[in-house]
């Protein structure tokens, strides 16, 4: 395994352990995802917001300068592959450790304003016209 791949795997594992601990995921539904080739579905799945799936992409590089746009596009694409309305990029901040809950509390997370609006609007955002409105089906509502 390459050094960079090992760094990525380490961050993914630490993020899974952190989320399981903070969210009380004793059933371990939050997990590292297997690779799907060109149809990857994120590094971590099993997390849900408003009953809908969330995709997490993890990045562990010494610098993130010039990479954020690429990482955001990767998050969007992989969320689309997983049919998940919510996506985030978790990236390691230089100088912050990975070995405690308090250091993991402070790792940065990146998404776009649309995803934030969907979360705040409980899956519904309004636009200027019908083509701009988005509604994420609540699994309980759809029954």
Foldseek 3Di string as FASTA:
>chain_A
DDPQVVQQVVLLVLVLVLCCVVVVVPVSQWDADDQDPPQAQAGIWSDDALQFIEHEHEGEDPDCVPPPVVVQVVQVRNCVSVVTLHYKYWYADPPQDSPDSVSVVPTDIDYDVVNVCCRVVSQWDDDPDPVPTTGDDRPVNVD
